[in-house]
Protein backbone atom coordinates (compact mmCIF):
# COMPACT_ATOMS: atom_id res chain seq x y z
CA MET A 1 32.52 37.35 -27.30
CA GLY A 2 33.93 35.33 -29.84
CA LEU A 3 34.43 36.38 -34.30
CA GLN A 4 32.18 33.48 -34.63
CA ALA A 5 29.86 34.47 -32.56
CA ARG A 6 28.97 37.79 -33.55
CA ASN A 7 28.82 36.48 -37.18
CA LEU A 8 26.01 34.06 -36.24
CA GLN A 9 23.97 36.60 -33.86
CA ASN A 10 24.65 39.07 -36.83
CA GLU A 11 22.81 37.11 -39.13
CA GLY A 12 19.58 36.13 -37.32
CA ARG A 13 21.45 32.73 -35.70
CA MET A 14 22.91 31.08 -32.10
CA ARG A 15 24.71 28.76 -30.83
CA PRO A 16 23.50 26.40 -28.50
CA ILE A 17 24.73 27.98 -25.93
CA ASP A 18 22.91 31.36 -26.80
CA LEU A 19 19.84 29.24 -26.82
CA ALA A 20 20.11 27.74 -23.66
CA ARG A 21 20.77 30.41 -21.22
CA ARG A 22 17.57 31.92 -22.50
CA HIS A 23 15.81 29.62 -20.45
CA GLY A 24 18.86 28.71 -18.04
CA LEU A 25 19.31 24.95 -19.53
CA SER A 26 22.58 24.26 -20.80
CA ALA A 27 24.05 23.28 -23.97
CA GLN A 28 23.41 19.63 -23.77
CA ALA A 29 20.07 19.76 -22.98
CA VAL A 30 19.30 22.17 -26.33
CA ARG A 31 21.02 19.40 -28.19
CA ASN A 32 19.10 16.70 -26.66
CA TYR A 33 15.73 18.20 -27.15
CA GLU A 34 17.00 18.37 -31.05
CA GLU A 35 18.11 14.90 -31.05
CA ASP A 36 14.52 14.15 -29.86
CA GLY A 37 12.81 15.55 -32.38
CA ILE A 38 11.31 18.86 -30.07
CA LEU A 39 13.07 20.76 -31.62
CA PRO A 40 13.62 20.54 -35.13
CA ALA A 41 16.80 20.29 -37.27
CA ALA A 42 19.04 22.76 -36.78
CA GLY A 43 21.10 24.77 -39.66
CA ARG A 44 24.96 23.91 -39.71
CA THR A 45 27.81 26.51 -40.47
CA ALA A 46 31.13 25.27 -43.03
CA HIS A 47 32.73 23.59 -40.15
CA GLY A 48 29.69 21.40 -38.71
CA TYR A 49 28.86 23.08 -35.96
CA ARG A 50 24.98 23.45 -35.03
CA THR A 51 23.25 27.18 -35.38
CA TYR A 52 19.17 27.59 -34.05
CA THR A 53 17.21 30.84 -35.42
CA PRO A 54 14.42 32.34 -33.80
CA LEU A 55 11.94 29.61 -35.13
CA HIS A 56 14.08 27.47 -32.97
CA ALA A 57 13.53 29.71 -29.51
CA GLN A 58 10.27 29.72 -30.09
CA ALA A 59 9.67 25.98 -30.05
CA LEU A 60 12.09 25.57 -26.83
CA ALA A 61 9.65 28.53 -25.21
CA ALA A 62 6.70 26.79 -26.12
CA PHE A 63 8.27 23.17 -25.31
CA LEU A 64 8.89 24.64 -21.55
CA ALA A 65 5.80 26.15 -21.19
CA LEU A 66 3.66 22.56 -22.01
CA VAL A 67 5.81 20.48 -19.92
CA PRO A 68 3.22 21.66 -16.27
CA GLY A 69 0.61 21.68 -18.00
CA HIS A 70 0.50 18.22 -19.59
CA GLY A 71 3.86 16.31 -18.26
CA HIS A 72 7.20 16.06 -20.21
CA ARG A 73 6.20 13.30 -22.06
CA PRO A 74 2.96 14.45 -23.60
CA ALA A 75 4.83 17.94 -24.29
CA ALA A 76 7.57 16.14 -26.52
CA SER A 77 4.57 14.10 -28.05
CA ILE A 78 2.84 17.75 -28.93
CA MET A 79 6.18 19.14 -30.17
CA ARG A 80 7.60 16.13 -32.80
CA ALA A 81 3.96 16.67 -34.02
CA VAL A 82 4.10 19.92 -34.91
CA ASN A 83 7.79 19.40 -36.12
CA ARG A 84 6.91 17.12 -38.02
CA GLY A 85 3.23 19.06 -39.63
CA ALA A 86 0.88 16.61 -37.69
CA THR A 87 -1.39 19.41 -37.04
CA ASP A 88 -4.30 17.31 -36.84
CA GLU A 89 -1.87 14.88 -34.42
CA VAL A 90 -1.30 17.90 -31.87
CA PHE A 91 -4.69 18.95 -31.74
CA ARG A 92 -5.77 15.41 -30.67
CA LEU A 93 -2.77 15.33 -28.06
CA VAL A 94 -3.42 18.47 -26.87
CA ASP A 95 -7.37 17.35 -26.49
CA GLU A 96 -5.98 14.31 -24.85
CA SER A 97 -4.43 16.47 -21.96
CA HIS A 98 -7.23 18.22 -21.65
CA ALA A 99 -9.86 15.50 -21.01
CA LEU A 100 -7.49 14.20 -18.62
CA LEU A 101 -7.37 16.99 -16.30
CA LEU A 102 -11.27 17.10 -16.69
CA GLU A 103 -11.65 13.93 -15.27
CA ASP A 104 -9.52 14.37 -12.96
CA ARG A 105 -11.80 17.41 -11.76
CA ARG A 106 -14.22 14.86 -12.37
CA THR A 107 -12.86 12.54 -9.83
CA LEU A 108 -12.22 15.65 -7.42
CA ARG A 109 -15.63 16.04 -7.28
CA ALA A 110 -16.86 12.32 -6.68
CA VAL A 111 -14.47 12.23 -3.89
CA GLU A 112 -16.09 15.40 -2.21
CA SER A 113 -19.83 13.97 -2.86
CA ALA A 114 -18.42 10.45 -1.04
CA LEU A 115 -16.77 12.48 1.80
CA ARG A 116 -19.89 14.57 2.78
CA ASP A 117 -22.25 11.56 2.28
CA LEU A 118 -19.80 9.72 4.87
CA ALA A 119 -19.84 11.84 7.21
CA PRO A 120 -23.15 11.29 9.05
CA ALA A 121 -21.73 7.72 9.01
CA GLU A 122 -18.51 8.81 10.22
CA GLU A 123 -20.30 10.24 13.73
CA PRO A 124 -19.00 8.74 16.68
CA GLY A 125 -22.45 6.31 18.01
CA THR A 126 -24.09 5.95 14.40
CA ALA A 127 -22.06 2.31 13.33
CA PRO A 128 -24.05 -1.08 14.51
CA ALA A 129 -22.95 -2.65 16.27
CA PRO A 130 -23.48 -6.52 16.71
CA ALA A 131 -23.59 -7.49 20.51
CA SER A 132 -22.79 -11.20 19.68
CA GLY A 133 -22.35 -14.47 17.25
CA PRO A 134 -20.01 -14.28 14.65
CA GLU A 135 -21.11 -11.17 14.08
CA ALA A 136 -19.61 -9.71 16.85
CA ALA A 137 -15.56 -8.75 16.12
CA GLY A 138 -15.18 -6.27 18.82
CA ALA A 139 -15.84 -2.55 18.91
CA GLY A 140 -15.55 -0.85 16.20
CA ARG A 141 -14.92 -3.99 13.91
CA THR A 142 -16.67 -5.75 11.94
CA PHE A 143 -17.46 -9.47 9.31
CA VAL A 144 -17.88 -8.84 6.01
CA GLY A 145 -21.61 -10.45 6.03
CA PRO A 146 -22.96 -7.61 8.30
CA LEU A 147 -20.88 -4.49 6.43
CA ALA A 148 -21.86 -5.36 2.84
CA GLU A 149 -25.07 -5.98 4.13
CA GLU A 150 -25.09 -2.28 5.49
CA LEU A 151 -23.30 -1.23 2.14
CA GLY A 152 -26.45 -2.97 0.22
CA ILE A 153 -23.89 -5.00 -1.49
CA ARG A 154 -23.07 -8.92 -1.98
CA PRO A 155 -19.94 -10.54 0.21
CA ALA A 156 -18.53 -11.18 -3.52
CA THR A 157 -18.50 -7.28 -4.10
CA LEU A 158 -16.30 -6.61 -0.49
CA ARG A 159 -14.05 -9.65 -1.79
CA THR A 160 -13.29 -8.14 -4.94
CA TRP A 161 -12.33 -5.05 -4.06
CA GLU A 162 -10.16 -6.63 -1.33
CA ARG A 163 -8.23 -8.29 -4.57
CA ALA A 164 -8.39 -5.16 -5.90
CA GLY A 165 -6.22 -3.89 -2.50
CA LEU A 166 -8.91 -1.06 -1.81
CA VAL A 167 -10.41 -2.75 1.31
CA ARG A 168 -7.72 -4.92 3.95
CA PRO A 169 -9.51 -6.45 6.25
CA ARG A 170 -7.24 -9.02 8.59
CA ARG A 171 -8.04 -12.78 9.59
CA ASP A 172 -9.08 -13.79 12.32
CA PRO A 173 -6.32 -16.26 14.01
CA LEU A 174 -8.40 -18.22 15.53
CA THR A 175 -11.71 -18.81 12.90
CA GLY A 176 -9.73 -16.90 9.69
CA TYR A 177 -12.80 -14.53 9.16
CA ARG A 178 -12.37 -11.38 7.66
CA VAL A 179 -12.25 -8.36 10.36
CA TYR A 180 -12.82 -5.48 8.75
CA ALA A 181 -11.82 -2.33 11.75
CA GLU A 182 -13.24 0.94 11.55
CA ALA A 183 -10.41 2.16 8.80
CA ASP A 184 -11.53 -0.95 6.18
CA VAL A 185 -15.48 -0.36 6.93
CA ARG A 186 -13.92 3.52 6.37
CA ASP A 187 -12.54 2.65 2.92
CA ALA A 188 -15.39 0.19 1.62
CA ARG A 189 -17.86 2.91 2.45
CA LEU A 190 -16.04 5.64 0.27
CA VAL A 191 -15.18 2.58 -2.40
CA HIS A 192 -19.28 1.91 -1.88
CA GLN A 193 -19.74 5.93 -2.87
CA LEU A 194 -17.67 6.42 -5.77
CA ARG A 195 -18.76 3.27 -7.56
CA ARG A 196 -21.79 4.03 -7.06
CA GLY A 197 -21.16 7.45 -9.30
CA GLY A 198 -19.55 5.07 -12.19
CA TYR A 199 -16.27 5.31 -10.99
CA PRO A 200 -14.02 1.91 -11.57
CA LEU A 201 -11.83 0.36 -9.39
CA ARG A 202 -8.30 1.55 -11.25
CA ARG A 203 -9.68 5.07 -10.91
CA ILE A 204 -10.79 4.38 -7.07
CA ALA A 205 -7.59 3.29 -6.42
CA PRO A 206 -5.13 6.50 -5.61
CA VAL A 207 -8.26 8.03 -4.14
CA ILE A 208 -8.48 4.88 -1.45
CA ASP A 209 -4.32 5.77 -1.49
CA ARG A 210 -5.10 9.24 -0.79
CA VAL A 211 -7.25 8.86 2.37
CA ARG A 212 -5.00 6.12 3.40
CA THR A 213 -2.20 8.75 3.42
CA ALA A 214 -3.76 12.23 4.60
CA GLY A 215 -4.60 9.37 8.30
CA GLY A 216 -8.73 9.38 7.80
CA LEU A 217 -10.89 11.30 6.44
CA GLU A 218 -10.88 14.61 8.15
CA PRO A 219 -7.16 15.12 7.75
CA LEU A 220 -7.58 14.39 4.16
CA GLU A 221 -9.31 18.12 3.82
CA ALA A 222 -5.72 19.36 2.63
CA THR A 223 -5.37 16.94 0.79
CA LEU A 224 -7.68 17.93 -1.42
CA CYS A 225 -7.13 21.55 -1.45
CA ASP A 226 -4.04 20.10 -1.88
CA TRP A 227 -5.55 18.62 -4.86
CA ARG A 228 -7.77 21.23 -6.11
CA GLU A 229 -5.03 23.35 -5.86
CA ARG A 230 -2.44 21.43 -8.78
CA LEU A 231 -5.95 20.63 -10.63
CA SER A 232 -6.22 24.86 -10.98
CA ALA A 233 -2.20 25.68 -12.00
CA ARG A 234 -2.30 22.71 -14.21
CA GLY A 235 -5.37 24.22 -15.84
CA ARG A 236 -3.25 27.49 -15.98
CA ALA A 237 -0.19 26.35 -17.17
CA MET A 238 -1.92 24.82 -19.74
CA LEU A 239 -3.56 28.28 -21.04
CA THR A 240 0.15 28.72 -21.14
CA GLY A 241 0.96 26.76 -23.18
CA ALA A 242 -1.09 26.93 -25.22
CA ALA A 243 -0.46 31.08 -26.15
CA GLU A 244 3.41 29.50 -26.62
CA LEU A 245 2.28 26.88 -28.85
CA ALA A 246 -0.02 29.04 -30.75
CA ALA A 247 3.07 31.24 -31.49
CA TYR A 248 5.22 28.34 -32.76
CA LEU A 249 2.79 26.86 -35.03
CA ARG A 250 1.99 30.74 -36.53
CA GLU A 251 6.06 31.02 -36.85
CA ARG A 252 6.23 28.02 -38.62
CA GLU A 253 3.64 28.69 -40.99
CA GLY A 254 6.12 31.94 -41.70
CA ASP A 255 9.68 31.04 -41.64
CA ASP A 256 11.31 27.60 -43.39
CA VAL A 257 12.24 24.73 -40.95
CA PRO A 258 16.99 25.00 -41.36
CA SER A 259 16.45 21.53 -43.34
CA PRO A 260 20.15 19.36 -41.14
CA ASP A 261 23.57 19.20 -42.87
CA SER A 262 24.11 15.56 -43.96
CA SER A 263 27.40 16.00 -42.02
CA LYS A 264 27.79 13.90 -38.55
CA ALA A 265 29.98 16.46 -36.39
CA THR A 266 28.47 18.07 -33.25
CA ALA A 267 28.78 21.58 -32.09
């Protein structure tokens, strides 16, 4: 350690690299966080080099703890609001993240409920199979009219879901009729259950994508389990982030934030 570094350490100040090493970051990352307003403005030595204090260390710890639960952009917004002294905005931003997590939990419960309701219809031999006429689309397939009747909705509703990408029937090459395969019927039933639960189409689309990625309802259980674990991890991370954020707010109340020097020199 050089003489300048020892002198700074004796004064309770740190260089960018000192602060960075605590969290496995680069000195440039610390400088970037300061320039983005995530950290308070650094002090400067007589030669224009940045210096940081325990307040900056707590700010960095708070930001890094907020990211796993809130995401990088919301965490950055929270820290900027703290550093501006906009406490009400800080709490609003935190509340918004918690509201999003709650909405995700509600969506997960709605999906689980919808899948339970769909289970009997997915059992072999339970789906209606018209035998003749324009309704006879083939084994495991159906047309818009019979499917709409089964769900108790208008055919126009199915077409709206199609435009939203929630169901993807193919067109019969001879008649031009929409033909709903088993997977399409499954998706339509799931959309119907979620719509009955009050969910808008934009919130249903990611759920349908999960079903398709999983390859159906049965393999979706593993995806739902992973979804639950991720929500729990976000909840735990929010608790950790809240503790670090509270510590930073207390630190700011008892410490003056260093004002930046007018010099443009960089460390």
